[in-house]
């Protein structure tokens, strides 16, 4: 799970039913699940693509949401910088023995994320590259202020602006790069839709074809909230909700 500094390196689903959620995402995205040894009484499951971990899953009270992990060189030092920049600490720094140190934070507009520093012993398998089905294809910030949101991530993690797209009444869509200089960038930022109660991050999982994936979402008890829609560049997307209530998105080059 080794990740260059300032980049998303892990994704985690907080859900109320890990067994049901594990089956749902395995069917929809093409992952398999693996239960990890209990740490401090906490059960943890990974979503794997082949033998490589792509994301994790656990139960945290009644929370039902996806959250992303951003790699930093020193978690404790970064907590101070994040707070100074207007962010908040939701869970103080803690260790996963032999694996990583992490803290749950939020940006000044309220979107939650995790900062983490891997320990040397942490496995760092080579992951397939997007758009391989099962990989993470896009990161999307739904915020209350695009300019201030971008300024925060630019200052804290070195993200850069790729371009702005005018979405009319919906405002500007800011495409950002995490530092690897991809032509299309790594994600986007936009004003959150009215139906979202708080600012949040959303994640797009690559699938084989969007039409077939929609049928799998419905068959598994999930709901399509938006789409299918073709976006600039030619890809097709949907925004959806899993049976437990967590929101996620899918993307494919094929309709």
Protein backbone atom coordinates (compact mmCIF):
# COMPACT_ATOMS: atom_id res chain seq x y z
CA UNK A 1 0.00 0.00 0.00
CA UNK A 2 3.00 2.33 -0.37
CA UNK A 3 1.81 5.62 -1.81
CA UNK A 4 3.69 8.75 -2.93
CA UNK A 5 3.23 11.71 -0.61
CA UNK A 6 0.09 13.76 -1.13
CA UNK A 7 -1.81 11.08 -3.04
CA UNK A 8 -4.84 9.00 -2.14
CA UNK A 9 -3.55 5.55 -1.28
CA UNK A 10 -6.40 3.69 0.40
CA UNK A 11 -10.18 3.78 0.57
CA UNK A 12 -12.41 2.59 3.39
CA UNK A 13 -16.07 1.78 3.67
CA UNK A 14 -17.78 2.31 7.00
CA UNK A 15 -20.95 0.23 7.00
CA UNK A 16 -23.47 -1.43 9.28
CA UNK A 17 -23.28 -4.88 7.63
CA UNK A 18 -19.87 -5.91 6.35
CA UNK A 19 -21.07 -9.31 5.10
CA UNK A 20 -23.83 -7.86 2.96
CA UNK A 21 -21.69 -4.95 1.77
CA UNK A 22 -18.86 -7.32 0.91
CA UNK A 23 -21.12 -9.38 -1.34
CA UNK A 24 -22.63 -6.28 -2.95
CA UNK A 25 -19.33 -4.67 -3.95
CA UNK A 26 -17.83 -8.00 -4.97
CA UNK A 27 -20.74 -8.53 -7.36
CA UNK A 28 -20.83 -4.94 -8.64
CA UNK A 29 -17.15 -4.01 -8.90
CA UNK A 30 -15.50 -7.43 -9.21
CA UNK A 31 -13.59 -7.41 -5.93
CA UNK A 32 -13.16 -10.32 -3.54
CA UNK A 33 -13.14 -9.94 0.25
CA UNK A 34 -10.62 -11.10 2.82
CA UNK A 35 -11.09 -10.93 6.59
CA UNK A 36 -7.97 -9.73 8.35
CA UNK A 37 -6.72 -10.78 11.81
CA UNK A 38 -8.51 -8.83 14.52
CA UNK A 39 -6.56 -5.86 15.88
CA UNK A 40 -7.59 -4.62 19.31
CA UNK A 41 -10.96 -6.29 18.93
CA UNK A 42 -11.70 -4.51 15.63
CA UNK A 43 -12.76 -6.69 12.69
CA UNK A 44 -11.42 -5.52 9.33
CA UNK A 45 -12.09 -6.74 5.81
CA UNK A 46 -10.20 -5.87 2.64
CA UNK A 47 -11.55 -5.60 -0.88
CA UNK A 48 -9.04 -7.25 -3.20
CA UNK A 49 -8.41 -7.25 -6.92
CA UNK A 50 -6.73 -10.58 -7.45
CA UNK A 51 -4.27 -10.74 -4.55
CA UNK A 52 -3.88 -6.97 -4.24
CA UNK A 53 -5.79 -4.92 -1.66
CA UNK A 54 -7.72 -1.99 -3.14
CA UNK A 55 -9.85 -0.86 -0.18
CA UNK A 56 -11.02 -1.83 3.29
CA UNK A 57 -14.24 -2.12 5.24
CA UNK A 58 -15.27 -2.00 8.88
CA UNK A 59 -18.16 -1.21 11.20
CA UNK A 60 -18.03 2.14 13.02
CA UNK A 61 -21.32 2.64 14.83
CA UNK A 62 -24.04 3.63 12.39
CA UNK A 63 -21.74 5.38 9.88
CA UNK A 64 -22.37 4.48 6.25
CA UNK A 65 -19.85 6.20 4.01
CA UNK A 66 -16.63 5.89 2.04
CA UNK A 67 -13.52 7.77 3.14
CA UNK A 68 -10.12 8.19 1.47
CA UNK A 69 -6.60 8.00 2.91
CA UNK A 70 -3.99 10.56 1.81
CA UNK A 71 -0.31 9.69 2.33
CA UNK A 72 1.95 12.10 4.23
CA UNK A 73 5.51 11.81 5.51
CA UNK A 74 4.64 12.63 9.14
CA UNK A 75 1.06 12.28 10.41
CA UNK A 76 1.57 14.25 13.61
CA UNK A 77 3.24 17.17 11.87
CA UNK A 78 0.51 17.20 9.23
CA UNK A 79 -2.23 17.30 11.86
CA UNK A 80 -0.83 20.60 13.10
CA UNK A 81 -0.65 22.00 9.56
CA UNK A 82 -4.20 20.91 8.79
CA UNK A 83 -5.57 22.53 11.96
CA UNK A 84 -3.62 25.72 11.25
CA UNK A 85 -5.19 25.78 7.78
CA UNK A 86 -8.70 25.56 9.25
CA UNK A 87 -9.24 21.81 9.26
CA UNK A 88 -10.41 19.70 12.20
CA UNK A 89 -9.31 16.55 14.01
CA UNK A 90 -12.04 13.90 14.25
CA UNK A 91 -9.87 11.03 15.47
CA UNK A 92 -6.41 11.76 16.94
CA UNK A 93 -3.34 9.99 15.55
CA UNK A 94 -3.23 6.26 16.29
CA UNK A 95 -1.16 3.30 15.19
CA UNK A 96 -2.04 0.11 13.37
CA UNK A 97 0.90 -1.94 14.68
CA UNK A 98 3.46 -2.72 12.02
CA UNK A 99 1.37 -1.08 9.31
CA UNK A 100 0.71 2.63 9.59
CA UNK A 101 -0.06 5.68 11.70
CA UNK A 102 -3.21 7.60 10.82
CA UNK A 103 -5.61 10.34 11.88
CA UNK A 104 -9.13 11.20 10.74
CA UNK A 105 -9.45 14.85 9.71
CA UNK A 106 -11.75 17.18 7.80
CA UNK A 107 -11.05 20.17 5.59
CA UNK A 108 -12.35 23.67 6.48
CA UNK A 109 -15.58 23.03 4.57
CA UNK A 110 -16.22 19.79 6.49
CA UNK A 111 -15.25 17.00 4.07
CA UNK A 112 -13.63 14.11 5.95
CA UNK A 113 -10.43 12.31 4.96
CA UNK A 114 -7.65 10.33 6.60
CA UNK A 115 -3.94 11.19 6.62
CA UNK A 116 -1.59 8.25 7.02
CA UNK A 117 2.10 7.42 7.14
CA UNK A 118 3.04 3.84 6.24
CA UNK A 119 5.63 2.02 8.32
CA UNK A 120 8.55 0.34 6.50
CA UNK A 121 7.08 -3.13 7.07
CA UNK A 122 3.81 -2.26 5.35
CA UNK A 123 3.28 -4.37 2.20
CA UNK A 124 3.47 -2.38 -1.02
CA UNK A 125 2.14 -4.61 -3.81
CA UNK A 126 1.95 -3.27 -7.35
CA UNK A 127 -1.63 -2.40 -8.22
CA UNK A 128 -3.15 -2.60 -11.69
CA UNK A 129 -3.45 0.79 -13.36
CA UNK A 130 -6.78 2.47 -14.13
CA UNK A 131 -8.99 1.95 -16.07
CA UNK A 132 -8.62 -1.73 -15.13
CA UNK A 133 -11.98 -2.84 -13.67
CA UNK A 134 -11.76 -2.80 -9.88
CA UNK A 135 -9.32 0.09 -9.66
CA UNK A 136 -10.20 3.56 -8.40
CA UNK A 137 -10.75 5.86 -11.35
CA UNK A 138 -11.58 9.31 -9.98
CA UNK A 139 -11.84 11.34 -6.77
CA UNK A 140 -14.55 13.99 -6.41
CA UNK A 141 -14.92 16.63 -3.72
CA UNK A 142 -18.40 18.02 -3.11
CA UNK A 143 -17.76 21.21 -1.19
CA UNK A 144 -19.30 24.54 -0.22
CA UNK A 145 -16.44 26.60 -1.70
CA UNK A 146 -14.37 25.31 -4.62
CA UNK A 147 -11.71 28.01 -4.46
CA UNK A 148 -11.10 27.71 -0.72
CA UNK A 149 -11.30 23.93 -0.91
CA UNK A 150 -8.68 23.80 -3.65
CA UNK A 151 -6.47 26.28 -1.79
CA UNK A 152 -6.49 23.97 1.25
CA UNK A 153 -5.46 20.82 -0.65
CA UNK A 154 -2.93 22.73 -2.72
CA UNK A 155 -1.27 24.07 0.42
CA UNK A 156 -1.41 20.85 2.45
CA UNK A 157 -0.72 18.23 -0.22
CA UNK A 158 0.69 20.07 -3.22
CA UNK A 159 -2.21 19.38 -5.56
CA UNK A 160 -2.33 21.53 -8.68
CA UNK A 161 -5.04 22.87 -10.95
CA UNK A 162 -5.44 21.20 -14.35
CA UNK A 163 -8.44 23.13 -15.66
CA UNK A 164 -11.87 24.56 -14.85
CA UNK A 165 -15.07 23.51 -16.56
CA UNK A 166 -18.11 25.79 -16.61
CA UNK A 167 -21.17 23.79 -15.54
CA UNK A 168 -23.60 26.72 -15.82
CA UNK A 169 -25.91 27.03 -12.80
CA UNK A 170 -23.88 24.31 -11.02
CA UNK A 171 -20.78 26.51 -11.07
CA UNK A 172 -17.20 25.58 -11.85
CA UNK A 173 -15.81 22.05 -11.93
CA UNK A 174 -12.15 22.22 -10.87
CA UNK A 175 -9.99 19.34 -12.16
CA UNK A 176 -6.92 18.75 -9.97
CA UNK A 177 -3.71 16.76 -10.19
CA UNK A 178 -2.11 14.99 -7.21
CA UNK A 179 1.40 15.50 -8.53
CA UNK A 180 1.81 12.75 -11.11
CA UNK A 181 0.92 15.12 -13.95
CA UNK A 182 -1.81 13.07 -15.57
CA UNK A 183 -3.26 14.74 -18.63
CA UNK A 184 -6.81 14.28 -17.34
CA UNK A 185 -5.93 14.85 -13.68
CA UNK A 186 -6.79 12.72 -10.65
CA UNK A 187 -10.11 14.19 -9.63
CA UNK A 188 -12.49 17.12 -9.51
CA UNK A 189 -14.04 19.60 -7.11
CA UNK A 190 -17.52 21.09 -7.34
CA UNK A 191 -20.20 22.77 -5.23
CA UNK A 192 -22.11 20.03 -3.43
CA UNK A 193 -25.63 19.29 -4.68
CA UNK A 194 -28.49 20.42 -2.40
CA UNK A 195 -29.34 16.80 -1.52
CA UNK A 196 -25.96 16.31 0.18
CA UNK A 197 -26.24 17.54 3.79
CA UNK A 198 -22.50 18.10 4.26
CA UNK A 199 -19.34 18.45 2.20
CA UNK A 200 -17.86 15.07 1.36
CA UNK A 201 -15.48 13.12 -0.85
CA UNK A 202 -16.79 10.68 -3.44
CA UNK A 203 -14.89 7.89 -5.22
CA UNK A 204 -15.38 6.32 -8.65
CA UNK A 205 -14.65 2.62 -9.12
CA UNK A 206 -13.81 1.36 -12.60
CA UNK A 207 -16.11 -1.32 -14.02
CA UNK A 208 -16.27 -3.31 -17.26
CA UNK A 209 -19.29 -1.54 -18.76
CA UNK A 210 -21.65 0.96 -17.15
CA UNK A 211 -24.89 -0.64 -18.40
CA UNK A 212 -24.02 -4.07 -17.05
CA UNK A 213 -22.86 -2.53 -13.77
CA UNK A 214 -26.18 -0.70 -13.37
CA UNK A 215 -28.00 -4.01 -13.59
CA UNK A 216 -25.70 -5.49 -10.94
CA UNK A 217 -26.32 -2.50 -8.64
CA UNK A 218 -30.08 -2.94 -8.94
CA UNK A 219 -29.93 -6.72 -8.58
CA UNK A 220 -27.90 -6.34 -5.39
CA UNK A 221 -30.39 -3.97 -3.76
CA UNK A 222 -28.56 -0.72 -4.51
CA UNK A 223 -29.99 2.44 -6.07
CA UNK A 224 -28.80 4.54 -9.01
CA UNK A 225 -28.99 8.18 -7.90
CA UNK A 226 -27.73 9.81 -11.11
CA UNK A 227 -26.88 8.67 -14.61
CA UNK A 228 -25.82 6.97 -16.71
CA UNK A 229 -24.12 10.08 -18.06
CA UNK A 230 -21.30 10.47 -20.55
CA UNK A 231 -18.67 12.92 -19.35
CA UNK A 232 -15.92 14.86 -21.17
CA UNK A 233 -13.32 12.39 -22.36
CA UNK A 234 -15.96 9.83 -23.32
CA UNK A 235 -16.35 7.82 -20.10
CA UNK A 236 -19.71 6.85 -18.66
CA UNK A 237 -20.58 7.36 -14.99
CA UNK A 238 -23.27 6.75 -12.42
CA UNK A 239 -23.66 7.87 -8.82
CA UNK A 240 -25.28 5.23 -6.64
CA UNK A 241 -26.10 4.09 -3.11
CA UNK A 242 -25.38 0.65 -1.68
CA UNK A 243 -28.05 -1.30 0.24
CA UNK A 244 -26.73 -0.06 3.61
CA UNK A 245 -26.85 3.61 2.54
CA UNK A 246 -23.27 4.50 1.55
CA UNK A 247 -22.90 6.58 -1.62
CA UNK A 248 -20.38 5.57 -4.30
CA UNK A 249 -19.81 6.06 -8.03
CA UNK A 250 -18.86 3.90 -10.99
CA UNK A 251 -17.03 4.79 -14.20
CA UNK A 252 -16.32 2.93 -17.43
CA UNK A 253 -15.04 3.62 -20.92
CA UNK A 254 -17.87 1.44 -22.21
CA UNK A 255 -21.57 2.20 -22.20
